[in-house]
């Protein structure tokens, strides 16, 4: 078995590879080659915490994966990460467990790749300004996903704590992002200026006013993952000409803003344009430059497995990681 740390994955596996491997995974799902059982969630109310178990299997590739993710928000009080994860890959030809990897970065990477795939097919091809709302743990790879598929010239960013946004800007620049990066003091400035907006927050209330959206804007919403959470408001949902979700079952169970709009009777899940995997047949699904499009991501196990397979292949080809006998 190969054991891979977060550092090794970050060093040897890039966003460009993640986008490519994720598109292959989405296509495999379209072709009926993926088994993706519903996730199991165990709640720990005293800690306001939960542990998620997410299995999947690729019948063609003869490999299965299970990701275990623990989300303990109160860990910040004791200096531990709020989210911790591992993913185990198993060869289904013989049952051998072949790779165990850190899944925290993997989750951020596949979520950024999902937004990249969605942006590639929904955003205007001439989109040049990327707005970033929320500069926490999920935001960095979200930016990389969009930069992978569009020729962005400027990033405009907002975070409720200005200092965190300034540090995020420095992190992007250290990574090698050459685009002009501007940090602003009000979220309205982001909405009014952006062609693409990335939202990556754990907010329980909408993070921007949908009335301010420009025609032709594309939005990626990846931060809210519970029915009680809201990143976008009802106005945004109603103004969106096309709403695409990464996984329909997950969206109906976890996409708080969509659930809320449906329960109020203002909107219906029947109006969803499709799942992300259904967009792969065309290079773009944008019919006019004025359309507002919204991609909502809550995650599914086979996304993680698709990227984990790519990481595993890279580890074998480049010979990194620790090999142990179990």
C-alpha atoms as a PDB file:
ATOM      1  CA  UNK A   1       0.000   0.000   0.000  1.00  0.00           C
ATOM      2  CA  UNK A   2       1.166   3.507  -0.830  1.00  0.00           C
ATOM      3  CA  UNK A   3       0.591   6.162   1.820  1.00  0.00           C
ATOM      4  CA  UNK A   4       0.438   9.763   0.612  1.00  0.00           C
ATOM      5  CA  UNK A   5       0.633  12.933   2.667  1.00  0.00           C
ATOM      6  CA  UNK A   6      -1.017  16.221   1.780  1.00  0.00           C
ATOM      7  CA  UNK A   7       2.403  17.727   1.046  1.00  0.00           C
ATOM      8  CA  UNK A   8       3.255  14.997  -1.467  1.00  0.00           C
ATOM      9  CA  UNK A   9      -0.061  15.363  -3.290  1.00  0.00           C
ATOM     10  CA  UNK A  10       0.314  19.147  -3.471  1.00  0.00           C
ATOM     11  CA  UNK A  11       3.849  18.807  -4.806  1.00  0.00           C
ATOM     12  CA  UNK A  12       3.191  16.255  -7.533  1.00  0.00           C
ATOM     13  CA  UNK A  13      -0.428  16.701  -8.682  1.00  0.00           C
ATOM     14  CA  UNK A  14      -1.829  19.899 -10.205  1.00  0.00           C
ATOM     15  CA  UNK A  15      -5.188  21.476 -10.936  1.00  0.00           C
ATOM     16  CA  UNK A  16      -4.835  20.847 -14.677  1.00  0.00           C
ATOM     17  CA  UNK A  17      -4.605  17.110 -13.971  1.00  0.00           C
ATOM     18  CA  UNK A  18      -7.511  17.262 -11.536  1.00  0.00           C
ATOM     19  CA  UNK A  19      -9.794  18.910 -14.099  1.00  0.00           C
ATOM     20  CA  UNK A  20      -8.881  16.287 -16.685  1.00  0.00           C
ATOM     21  CA  UNK A  21      -9.335  13.350 -14.297  1.00  0.00           C
ATOM     22  CA  UNK A  22     -12.613  14.731 -12.973  1.00  0.00           C
ATOM     23  CA  UNK A  23     -14.021  15.095 -16.484  1.00  0.00           C
ATOM     24  CA  UNK A  24     -13.099  11.452 -17.089  1.00  0.00           C
ATOM     25  CA  UNK A  25     -14.914  10.480 -13.881  1.00  0.00           C
ATOM     26  CA  UNK A  26     -18.006  12.440 -14.879  1.00  0.00           C
ATOM     27  CA  UNK A  27     -17.994  10.709 -18.262  1.00  0.00           C
ATOM     28  CA  UNK A  28     -17.697   7.300 -16.572  1.00  0.00           C
ATOM     29  CA  UNK A  29     -20.787   8.140 -14.518  1.00  0.00           C
ATOM     30  CA  UNK A  30     -22.617   9.050 -17.732  1.00  0.00           C
ATOM     31  CA  UNK A  31     -21.652   5.671 -19.162  1.00  0.00           C
ATOM     32  CA  UNK A  32     -23.009   3.771 -16.148  1.00  0.00           C
ATOM     33  CA  UNK A  33     -19.620   2.617 -14.924  1.00  0.00           C
ATOM     34  CA  UNK A  34     -19.790   4.212 -11.476  1.00  0.00           C
ATOM     35  CA  UNK A  35     -21.504   2.978  -8.319  1.00  0.00           C
ATOM     36  CA  UNK A  36     -22.041   5.894  -5.952  1.00  0.00           C
ATOM     37  CA  UNK A  37     -24.028   4.918  -2.814  1.00  0.00           C
ATOM     38  CA  UNK A  38     -25.413   7.674  -0.622  1.00  0.00           C
ATOM     39  CA  UNK A  39     -23.041   8.902   2.042  1.00  0.00           C
ATOM     40  CA  UNK A  40     -23.450   7.942   5.699  1.00  0.00           C
ATOM     41  CA  UNK A  41     -23.366  10.775   8.219  1.00  0.00           C
ATOM     42  CA  UNK A  42     -22.953  10.319  11.967  1.00  0.00           C
ATOM     43  CA  UNK A  43     -23.743  13.409  14.029  1.00  0.00           C
ATOM     44  CA  UNK A  44     -22.110  14.420  17.319  1.00  0.00           C
ATOM     45  CA  UNK A  45     -24.437  17.142  18.647  1.00  0.00           C
ATOM     46  CA  UNK A  46     -22.440  17.916  21.801  1.00  0.00           C
ATOM     47  CA  UNK A  47     -19.512  19.057  19.628  1.00  0.00           C
ATOM     48  CA  UNK A  48     -21.756  20.360  16.793  1.00  0.00           C
ATOM     49  CA  UNK A  49     -19.766  17.897  14.702  1.00  0.00           C
ATOM     50  CA  UNK A  50     -20.209  15.123  12.163  1.00  0.00           C
ATOM     51  CA  UNK A  51     -18.288  12.345  10.423  1.00  0.00           C
ATOM     52  CA  UNK A  52     -19.065  11.480   6.799  1.00  0.00           C
ATOM     53  CA  UNK A  53     -18.386   8.135   5.106  1.00  0.00           C
ATOM     54  CA  UNK A  54     -18.447   8.375   1.306  1.00  0.00           C
ATOM     55  CA  UNK A  55     -18.010   5.178  -0.786  1.00  0.00           C
ATOM     56  CA  UNK A  56     -17.851   4.772  -4.566  1.00  0.00           C
ATOM     57  CA  UNK A  57     -16.618   2.304  -7.182  1.00  0.00           C
ATOM     58  CA  UNK A  58     -15.488   2.481 -10.815  1.00  0.00           C
ATOM     59  CA  UNK A  59     -16.448  -0.836 -12.399  1.00  0.00           C
ATOM     60  CA  UNK A  60     -14.402  -0.243 -15.561  1.00  0.00           C
ATOM     61  CA  UNK A  61     -11.221   0.810 -13.761  1.00  0.00           C
ATOM     62  CA  UNK A  62     -11.763  -1.951 -11.182  1.00  0.00           C
ATOM     63  CA  UNK A  63     -11.133   0.332  -8.247  1.00  0.00           C
ATOM     64  CA  UNK A  64     -13.186   1.454  -5.266  1.00  0.00           C
ATOM     65  CA  UNK A  65     -12.711   4.281  -2.815  1.00  0.00           C
ATOM     66  CA  UNK A  66     -14.074   5.436   0.498  1.00  0.00           C
ATOM     67  CA  UNK A  67     -13.456   8.871   1.948  1.00  0.00           C
ATOM     68  CA  UNK A  68     -13.883   9.534   5.638  1.00  0.00           C
ATOM     69  CA  UNK A  69     -14.197  13.176   6.630  1.00  0.00           C
ATOM     70  CA  UNK A  70     -14.640  14.544  10.135  1.00  0.00           C
ATOM     71  CA  UNK A  71     -15.973  18.078  10.585  1.00  0.00           C
ATOM     72  CA  UNK A  72     -15.463  19.404  14.120  1.00  0.00           C
ATOM     73  CA  UNK A  73     -15.974  23.206  14.083  1.00  0.00           C
ATOM     74  CA  UNK A  74     -14.921  23.621  17.728  1.00  0.00           C
ATOM     75  CA  UNK A  75     -11.431  22.291  16.957  1.00  0.00           C
ATOM     76  CA  UNK A  76     -10.261  25.850  16.376  1.00  0.00           C
ATOM     77  CA  UNK A  77     -10.404  26.296  20.156  1.00  0.00           C
ATOM     78  CA  UNK A  78      -7.786  23.590  20.673  1.00  0.00           C
ATOM     79  CA  UNK A  79      -5.567  24.357  17.689  1.00  0.00           C
ATOM     80  CA  UNK A  80      -6.678  21.448  15.513  1.00  0.00           C
ATOM     81  CA  UNK A  81      -8.100  21.543  11.960  1.00  0.00           C
ATOM     82  CA  UNK A  82     -11.878  21.692  11.754  1.00  0.00           C
ATOM     83  CA  UNK A  83     -11.945  19.311   8.791  1.00  0.00           C
ATOM     84  CA  UNK A  84      -9.799  16.172   8.567  1.00  0.00           C
ATOM     85  CA  UNK A  85     -10.043  13.429   5.991  1.00  0.00           C
ATOM     86  CA  UNK A  86      -8.481  10.288   4.548  1.00  0.00           C
ATOM     87  CA  UNK A  87      -9.314   8.291   1.424  1.00  0.00           C
ATOM     88  CA  UNK A  88      -8.655   4.593   0.859  1.00  0.00           C
ATOM     89  CA  UNK A  89      -8.442   3.046  -2.625  1.00  0.00           C
ATOM     90  CA  UNK A  90      -9.068  -0.675  -3.129  1.00  0.00           C
ATOM     91  CA  UNK A  91      -8.305  -2.850  -6.171  1.00  0.00           C
ATOM     92  CA  UNK A  92     -11.614  -4.634  -6.845  1.00  0.00           C
ATOM     93  CA  UNK A  93      -9.959  -7.422  -8.819  1.00  0.00           C
ATOM     94  CA  UNK A  94      -8.449  -8.902  -5.676  1.00  0.00           C
ATOM     95  CA  UNK A  95      -9.562  -6.766  -2.727  1.00  0.00           C
ATOM     96  CA  UNK A  96      -6.087  -5.352  -2.106  1.00  0.00           C
ATOM     97  CA  UNK A  97      -6.011  -1.932  -0.449  1.00  0.00           C
ATOM     98  CA  UNK A  98      -3.551  -0.092  -2.667  1.00  0.00           C
ATOM     99  CA  UNK A  99      -3.411   3.513  -1.469  1.00  0.00           C
ATOM    100  CA  UNK A 100      -4.252   5.580   1.609  1.00  0.00           C
ATOM    101  CA  UNK A 101      -4.056   9.327   1.167  1.00  0.00           C
ATOM    102  CA  UNK A 102      -4.773  12.524   3.027  1.00  0.00           C
ATOM    103  CA  UNK A 103      -8.121  13.765   1.739  1.00  0.00           C
ATOM    104  CA  UNK A 104      -8.224  17.333   3.036  1.00  0.00           C
ATOM    105  CA  UNK A 105      -6.310  18.835   0.128  1.00  0.00           C
ATOM    106  CA  UNK A 106      -7.867  16.263  -2.194  1.00  0.00           C
ATOM    107  CA  UNK A 107     -11.338  17.574  -1.270  1.00  0.00           C
ATOM    108  CA  UNK A 108     -10.324  21.170  -1.888  1.00  0.00           C
ATOM    109  CA  UNK A 109      -8.705  20.158  -5.178  1.00  0.00           C
ATOM    110  CA  UNK A 110     -11.679  18.234  -6.553  1.00  0.00           C
ATOM    111  CA  UNK A 111     -14.059  21.021  -5.513  1.00  0.00           C
ATOM    112  CA  UNK A 112     -11.919  23.556  -7.360  1.00  0.00           C
ATOM    113  CA  UNK A 113     -11.822  21.240 -10.352  1.00  0.00           C
ATOM    114  CA  UNK A 114     -15.625  20.932 -10.271  1.00  0.00           C
ATOM    115  CA  UNK A 115     -15.926  24.710 -10.449  1.00  0.00           C
ATOM    116  CA  UNK A 116     -13.376  24.695 -13.258  1.00  0.00           C
ATOM    117  CA  UNK A 117     -15.423  22.196 -15.282  1.00  0.00           C
ATOM    118  CA  UNK A 118     -18.615  24.187 -14.642  1.00  0.00           C
ATOM    119  CA  UNK A 119     -16.989  27.523 -15.445  1.00  0.00           C
ATOM    120  CA  UNK A 120     -15.560  26.111 -18.666  1.00  0.00           C
ATOM    121  CA  UNK A 121     -19.055  25.320 -19.927  1.00  0.00           C
ATOM    122  CA  UNK A 122     -21.166  28.057 -18.343  1.00  0.00           C
ATOM    123  CA  UNK A 123     -19.120  31.256 -18.034  1.00  0.00           C
ATOM    124  CA  UNK A 124     -18.709  33.691 -20.913  1.00  0.00           C
ATOM    125  CA  UNK A 125     -15.599  32.914 -22.921  1.00  0.00           C
ATOM    126  CA  UNK A 126     -14.536  36.559 -22.649  1.00  0.00           C
ATOM    127  CA  UNK A 127     -14.860  36.591 -18.825  1.00  0.00           C
ATOM    128  CA  UNK A 128     -11.854  38.466 -17.480  1.00  0.00           C
ATOM    129  CA  UNK A 129     -12.696  39.475 -13.880  1.00  0.00           C
ATOM    130  CA  UNK A 130     -12.999  36.853 -11.128  1.00  0.00           C
ATOM    131  CA  UNK A 131     -14.704  37.845  -7.902  1.00  0.00           C
ATOM    132  CA  UNK A 132     -13.903  35.943  -4.713  1.00  0.00           C
ATOM    133  CA  UNK A 133     -16.271  36.063  -1.741  1.00  0.00           C
ATOM    134  CA  UNK A 134     -14.774  34.263   1.228  1.00  0.00           C
ATOM    135  CA  UNK A 135     -11.045  33.568   1.490  1.00  0.00           C
ATOM    136  CA  UNK A 136     -11.102  30.578   3.836  1.00  0.00           C
ATOM    137  CA  UNK A 137      -9.903  27.015   3.393  1.00  0.00           C
ATOM    138  CA  UNK A 138     -11.840  26.153   0.227  1.00  0.00           C
ATOM    139  CA  UNK A 139     -11.221  29.386  -1.669  1.00  0.00           C
ATOM    140  CA  UNK A 140      -7.663  28.888  -2.947  1.00  0.00           C
ATOM    141  CA  UNK A 141      -8.340  25.876  -5.164  1.00  0.00           C
ATOM    142  CA  UNK A 142     -11.553  27.544  -6.342  1.00  0.00           C
ATOM    143  CA  UNK A 143      -9.450  30.325  -7.794  1.00  0.00           C
ATOM    144  CA  UNK A 144      -7.054  27.845  -9.403  1.00  0.00           C
ATOM    145  CA  UNK A 145      -9.959  25.974 -10.990  1.00  0.00           C
ATOM    146  CA  UNK A 146     -11.259  29.107 -12.703  1.00  0.00           C
ATOM    147  CA  UNK A 147      -7.775  30.261 -13.757  1.00  0.00           C
ATOM    148  CA  UNK A 148      -7.320  26.880 -15.424  1.00  0.00           C
ATOM    149  CA  UNK A 149     -10.229  27.432 -17.843  1.00  0.00           C
ATOM    150  CA  UNK A 150     -10.522  31.198 -18.378  1.00  0.00           C
ATOM    151  CA  UNK A 151      -8.025  33.969 -19.215  1.00  0.00           C
ATOM    152  CA  UNK A 152      -8.642  35.972 -16.080  1.00  0.00           C
ATOM    153  CA  UNK A 153      -6.941  39.366 -15.937  1.00  0.00           C
ATOM    154  CA  UNK A 154      -8.099  40.606 -12.533  1.00  0.00           C
ATOM    155  CA  UNK A 155      -9.186  39.151  -9.198  1.00  0.00           C
ATOM    156  CA  UNK A 156     -11.336  41.197  -6.831  1.00  0.00           C
ATOM    157  CA  UNK A 157     -11.741  39.747  -3.350  1.00  0.00           C
ATOM    158  CA  UNK A 158     -13.780  40.290  -0.205  1.00  0.00           C
ATOM    159  CA  UNK A 159     -13.699  38.644   3.192  1.00  0.00           C
ATOM    160  CA  UNK A 160     -15.502  39.804   6.322  1.00  0.00           C
ATOM    161  CA  UNK A 161     -12.108  39.988   8.012  1.00  0.00           C
ATOM    162  CA  UNK A 162      -9.953  42.193   5.770  1.00  0.00           C
ATOM    163  CA  UNK A 163      -6.706  40.799   7.184  1.00  0.00           C
ATOM    164  CA  UNK A 164      -7.588  37.290   5.967  1.00  0.00           C
ATOM    165  CA  UNK A 165      -8.225  38.597   2.459  1.00  0.00           C
ATOM    166  CA  UNK A 166      -4.868  40.388   2.451  1.00  0.00           C
ATOM    167  CA  UNK A 167      -3.106  37.173   3.507  1.00  0.00           C
ATOM    168  CA  UNK A 168      -5.001  35.256   0.834  1.00  0.00           C
ATOM    169  CA  UNK A 169      -3.746  37.717  -1.776  1.00  0.00           C
ATOM    170  CA  UNK A 170      -0.175  37.161  -0.594  1.00  0.00           C
ATOM    171  CA  UNK A 171      -0.671  33.378  -0.749  1.00  0.00           C
ATOM    172  CA  UNK A 172      -1.856  33.586  -4.366  1.00  0.00           C
ATOM    173  CA  UNK A 173       1.094  35.756  -5.300  1.00  0.00           C
ATOM    174  CA  UNK A 174       3.574  33.394  -3.626  1.00  0.00           C
ATOM    175  CA  UNK A 175       2.007  30.544  -5.567  1.00  0.00           C
ATOM    176  CA  UNK A 176       2.725  32.398  -8.795  1.00  0.00           C
ATOM    177  CA  UNK A 177      -0.598  34.017  -9.688  1.00  0.00           C
ATOM    178  CA  UNK A 178       0.375  36.999 -11.869  1.00  0.00           C
ATOM    179  CA  UNK A 179      -3.035  38.576 -12.355  1.00  0.00           C
ATOM    180  CA  UNK A 180      -3.916  41.904 -10.766  1.00  0.00           C
ATOM    181  CA  UNK A 181      -5.405  41.199  -7.316  1.00  0.00           C
ATOM    182  CA  UNK A 182      -7.513  43.770  -5.479  1.00  0.00           C
ATOM    183  CA  UNK A 183      -8.954  43.424  -1.967  1.00  0.00           C
ATOM    184  CA  UNK A 184     -12.096  45.486  -1.334  1.00  0.00           C
ATOM    185  CA  UNK A 185     -13.954  46.507   1.812  1.00  0.00           C
ATOM    186  CA  UNK A 186     -17.511  45.827   0.651  1.00  0.00           C
ATOM    187  CA  UNK A 187     -18.945  42.777  -1.039  1.00  0.00           C
ATOM    188  CA  UNK A 188     -21.027  44.939  -3.400  1.00  0.00           C
ATOM    189  CA  UNK A 189     -17.813  45.994  -5.137  1.00  0.00           C
ATOM    190  CA  UNK A 190     -17.130  42.346  -5.987  1.00  0.00           C
ATOM    191  CA  UNK A 191     -20.592  41.692  -7.400  1.00  0.00           C
ATOM    192  CA  UNK A 192     -20.689  44.852  -9.521  1.00  0.00           C
ATOM    193  CA  UNK A 193     -17.262  44.256 -11.079  1.00  0.00           C
ATOM    194  CA  UNK A 194     -17.116  40.495 -11.657  1.00  0.00           C
ATOM    195  CA  UNK A 195     -17.787  38.304 -14.678  1.00  0.00           C
ATOM    196  CA  UNK A 196     -17.391  35.173 -12.527  1.00  0.00           C
ATOM    197  CA  UNK A 197     -18.059  34.978  -8.780  1.00  0.00           C
ATOM    198  CA  UNK A 198     -16.690  32.263  -6.491  1.00  0.00           C
ATOM    199  CA  UNK A 199     -18.465  31.842  -3.146  1.00  0.00           C
ATOM    200  CA  UNK A 200     -16.729  29.625  -0.613  1.00  0.00           C
ATOM    201  CA  UNK A 201     -18.173  30.418   2.821  1.00  0.00           C
ATOM    202  CA  UNK A 202     -19.984  28.590   5.597  1.00  0.00           C
ATOM    203  CA  UNK A 203     -22.542  31.352   5.866  1.00  0.00           C
ATOM    204  CA  UNK A 204     -26.071  30.776   7.101  1.00  0.00           C
ATOM    205  CA  UNK A 205     -27.234  33.987   5.417  1.00  0.00           C
ATOM    206  CA  UNK A 206     -26.728  35.112   1.785  1.00  0.00           C
ATOM    207  CA  UNK A 207     -23.318  36.699   1.219  1.00  0.00           C
ATOM    208  CA  UNK A 208     -24.304  39.128  -1.554  1.00  0.00           C
ATOM    209  CA  UNK A 209     -27.342  40.925  -2.953  1.00  0.00           C
ATOM    210  CA  UNK A 210     -28.576  39.197  -6.092  1.00  0.00           C
ATOM    211  CA  UNK A 211     -30.168  42.434  -7.299  1.00  0.00           C
ATOM    212  CA  UNK A 212     -26.661  43.719  -8.056  1.00  0.00           C
ATOM    213  CA  UNK A 213     -25.688  40.874 -10.401  1.00  0.00           C
ATOM    214  CA  UNK A 214     -24.636  41.983 -13.873  1.00  0.00           C
ATOM    215  CA  UNK A 215     -26.043  40.324 -16.951  1.00  0.00           C
ATOM    216  CA  UNK A 216     -23.803  37.490 -18.083  1.00  0.00           C
ATOM    217  CA  UNK A 217     -22.393  36.656 -14.638  1.00  0.00           C
ATOM    218  CA  UNK A 218     -21.502  33.087 -13.722  1.00  0.00           C
ATOM    219  CA  UNK A 219     -21.541  32.060 -10.035  1.00  0.00           C
ATOM    220  CA  UNK A 220     -19.850  29.084  -8.369  1.00  0.00           C
ATOM    221  CA  UNK A 221     -21.297  28.285  -4.938  1.00  0.00           C
ATOM    222  CA  UNK A 222     -19.378  25.623  -3.012  1.00  0.00           C
ATOM    223  CA  UNK A 223     -19.286  26.661   0.646  1.00  0.00           C
ATOM    224  CA  UNK A 224     -22.745  25.862   2.005  1.00  0.00           C
ATOM    225  CA  UNK A 225     -23.320  22.144   2.497  1.00  0.00           C
ATOM    226  CA  UNK A 226     -26.160  21.959   5.036  1.00  0.00           C
ATOM    227  CA  UNK A 227     -29.889  22.709   4.632  1.00  0.00           C
ATOM    228  CA  UNK A 228     -29.508  25.533   7.161  1.00  0.00           C
ATOM    229  CA  UNK A 229     -26.766  27.288   5.159  1.00  0.00           C
ATOM    230  CA  UNK A 230     -27.253  30.008   2.531  1.00  0.00           C
ATOM    231  CA  UNK A 231     -24.598  31.547   0.280  1.00  0.00           C
ATOM    232  CA  UNK A 232     -26.839  33.026  -2.384  1.00  0.00           C
ATOM    233  CA  UNK A 233     -30.213  34.669  -1.945  1.00  0.00           C
ATOM    234  CA  UNK A 234     -33.559  33.888  -3.513  1.00  0.00           C
ATOM    235  CA  UNK A 235     -33.092  36.777  -5.933  1.00  0.00           C
ATOM    236  CA  UNK A 236     -29.999  35.099  -7.394  1.00  0.00           C
ATOM    237  CA  UNK A 237     -31.811  31.791  -7.804  1.00  0.00           C
ATOM    238  CA  UNK A 238     -34.767  33.437  -9.558  1.00  0.00           C
ATOM    239  CA  UNK A 239     -32.509  35.549 -11.799  1.00  0.00           C
ATOM    240  CA  UNK A 240     -30.391  32.591 -12.897  1.00  0.00           C
ATOM    241  CA  UNK A 241     -31.198  31.427 -16.423  1.00  0.00           C
ATOM    242  CA  UNK A 242     -29.417  28.128 -15.828  1.00  0.00           C
ATOM    243  CA  UNK A 243     -28.782  26.393 -12.506  1.00  0.00           C
ATOM    244  CA  UNK A 244     -26.483  23.374 -12.609  1.00  0.00           C
ATOM    245  CA  UNK A 245     -25.728  21.093  -9.649  1.00  0.00           C
ATOM    246  CA  UNK A 246     -22.882  18.650  -9.209  1.00  0.00           C
ATOM    247  CA  UNK A 247     -25.161  15.913  -7.862  1.00  0.00           C
ATOM    248  CA  UNK A 248     -28.959  16.049  -7.857  1.00  0.00           C
ATOM    249  CA  UNK A 249     -29.500  13.832  -4.823  1.00  0.00           C
ATOM    250  CA  UNK A 250     -26.968  15.770  -2.794  1.00  0.00           C
ATOM    251  CA  UNK A 251     -28.420  19.115  -3.852  1.00  0.00           C
ATOM    252  CA  UNK A 252     -31.920  18.130  -2.748  1.00  0.00           C
ATOM    253  CA  UNK A 253     -30.569  17.008   0.628  1.00  0.00           C
ATOM    254  CA  UNK A 254     -27.908  19.629   1.354  1.00  0.00           C
ATOM    255  CA  UNK A 255     -28.063  22.753  -0.854  1.00  0.00           C
ATOM    256  CA  UNK A 256     -29.641  25.085   1.678  1.00  0.00           C
ATOM    257  CA  UNK A 257     -30.390  27.989  -0.634  1.00  0.00           C
ATOM    258  CA  UNK A 258     -32.115  25.744  -3.183  1.00  0.00           C
ATOM    259  CA  UNK A 259     -34.017  23.821  -0.510  1.00  0.00           C
ATOM    260  CA  UNK A 260     -35.219  27.070   1.064  1.00  0.00           C
ATOM    261  CA  UNK A 261     -36.428  28.505  -2.249  1.00  0.00           C
ATOM    262  CA  UNK A 262     -38.245  25.254  -3.069  1.00  0.00           C
ATOM    263  CA  UNK A 263     -39.919  25.046   0.340  1.00  0.00           C
ATOM    264  CA  UNK A 264     -41.168  28.610   0.014  1.00  0.00           C
ATOM    265  CA  UNK A 265     -42.699  27.760  -3.365  1.00  0.00           C
ATOM    266  CA  UNK A 266     -40.676  30.457  -5.123  1.00  0.00           C
ATOM    267  CA  UNK A 267     -38.699  27.935  -7.150  1.00  0.00           C
ATOM    268  CA  UNK A 268     -38.637  24.212  -7.945  1.00  0.00           C
ATOM    269  CA  UNK A 269     -35.910  21.597  -8.387  1.00  0.00           C
ATOM    270  CA  UNK A 270     -37.611  20.800 -11.695  1.00  0.00           C
ATOM    271  CA  UNK A 271     -36.067  24.030 -12.979  1.00  0.00           C
ATOM    272  CA  UNK A 272     -32.502  22.766 -12.591  1.00  0.00           C
ATOM    273  CA  UNK A 273     -30.821  22.735 -15.997  1.00  0.00           C
ATOM    274  CA  UNK A 274     -28.931  19.533 -15.236  1.00  0.00           C
ATOM    275  CA  UNK A 275     -26.147  17.820 -13.352  1.00  0.00           C
ATOM    276  CA  UNK A 276     -22.587  18.802 -14.200  1.00  0.00           C
ATOM    277  CA  UNK A 277     -21.898  15.448 -15.855  1.00  0.00           C
ATOM    278  CA  UNK A 278     -24.675  16.158 -18.362  1.00  0.00           C
ATOM    279  CA  UNK A 279     -22.793  19.222 -19.636  1.00  0.00           C
ATOM    280  CA  UNK A 280     -19.816  17.275 -20.989  1.00  0.00           C
ATOM    281  CA  UNK A 281     -21.224  16.734 -24.483  1.00  0.00           C
ATOM    282  CA  UNK A 282     -20.840  20.405 -25.462  1.00  0.00           C
ATOM    283  CA  UNK A 283     -18.013  22.911 -25.043  1.00  0.00           C
ATOM    284  CA  UNK A 284     -20.489  25.530 -23.821  1.00  0.00           C
ATOM    285  CA  UNK A 285     -24.078  25.607 -22.640  1.00  0.00           C
ATOM    286  CA  UNK A 286     -24.336  29.389 -22.638  1.00  0.00           C
ATOM    287  CA  UNK A 287     -26.824  30.530 -25.261  1.00  0.00           C
ATOM    288  CA  UNK A 288     -26.359  34.299 -24.876  1.00  0.00           C
ATOM    289  CA  UNK A 289     -23.841  36.633 -23.250  1.00  0.00           C
ATOM    290  CA  UNK A 290     -26.610  37.998 -21.020  1.00  0.00           C
ATOM    291  CA  UNK A 291     -27.477  34.731 -19.271  1.00  0.00           C
ATOM    292  CA  UNK A 292     -26.819  34.474 -15.539  1.00  0.00           C
ATOM    293  CA  UNK A 293     -25.631  30.988 -14.618  1.00  0.00           C
ATOM    294  CA  UNK A 294     -25.217  29.365 -11.210  1.00  0.00           C
ATOM    295  CA  UNK A 295     -23.277  26.202 -10.349  1.00  0.00           C
ATOM    296  CA  UNK A 296     -24.054  24.687  -6.957  1.00  0.00           C
ATOM    297  CA  UNK A 297     -21.706  22.066  -5.518  1.00  0.00           C
ATOM    298  CA  UNK A 298     -22.254  19.934  -2.411  1.00  0.00           C
ATOM    299  CA  UNK A 299     -19.952  17.033  -3.320  1.00  0.00           C
ATOM    300  CA  UNK A 300     -20.235  13.316  -4.075  1.00  0.00           C
ATOM    301  CA  UNK A 301     -17.898  10.404  -3.437  1.00  0.00           C
ATOM    302  CA  UNK A 302     -17.149   9.624  -7.065  1.00  0.00           C
ATOM    303  CA  UNK A 303     -15.651  13.087  -7.571  1.00  0.00           C
ATOM    304  CA  UNK A 304     -13.099  12.319  -4.865  1.00  0.00           C
ATOM    305  CA  UNK A 305     -12.411   8.888  -6.300  1.00  0.00           C
ATOM    306  CA  UNK A 306     -11.812  10.269  -9.807  1.00  0.00           C
ATOM    307  CA  UNK A 307      -9.162  12.661  -8.537  1.00  0.00           C
ATOM    308  CA  UNK A 308      -7.745  10.087  -6.102  1.00  0.00           C
ATOM    309  CA  UNK A 309      -7.234   7.695  -9.020  1.00  0.00           C
ATOM    310  CA  UNK A 310      -5.219  10.382 -10.764  1.00  0.00           C
ATOM    311  CA  UNK A 311      -3.129  10.957  -7.657  1.00  0.00           C
ATOM    312  CA  UNK A 312      -2.528   7.212  -7.300  1.00  0.00           C
ATOM    313  CA  UNK A 313      -1.413   6.911 -10.936  1.00  0.00           C
ATOM    314  CA  UNK A 314       0.936   9.852 -10.455  1.00  0.00           C
ATOM    315  CA  UNK A 315       2.398   8.273  -7.305  1.00  0.00           C
ATOM    316  CA  UNK A 316       3.188   5.056  -9.177  1.00  0.00           C
ATOM    317  CA  UNK A 317       4.627   6.864 -12.209  1.00  0.00           C
ATOM    318  CA  UNK A 318       6.704   9.403 -10.274  1.00  0.00           C
ATOM    319  CA  UNK A 319       7.436   7.044  -7.382  1.00  0.00           C
ATOM    320  CA  UNK A 320       6.482   9.230  -4.454  1.00  0.00           C
ATOM    321  CA  UNK A 321       4.865   8.299  -1.144  1.00  0.00           C
ATOM    322  CA  UNK A 322       5.659   5.634   1.435  1.00  0.00           C
ATOM    323  CA  UNK A 323       5.093   1.980   0.559  1.00  0.00           C
ATOM    324  CA  UNK A 324       4.092  -0.280   3.443  1.00  0.00           C
ATOM    325  CA  UNK A 325       2.983  -3.900   3.789  1.00  0.00           C
ATOM    326  CA  UNK A 326      -0.360  -4.393   5.535  1.00  0.00           C
END
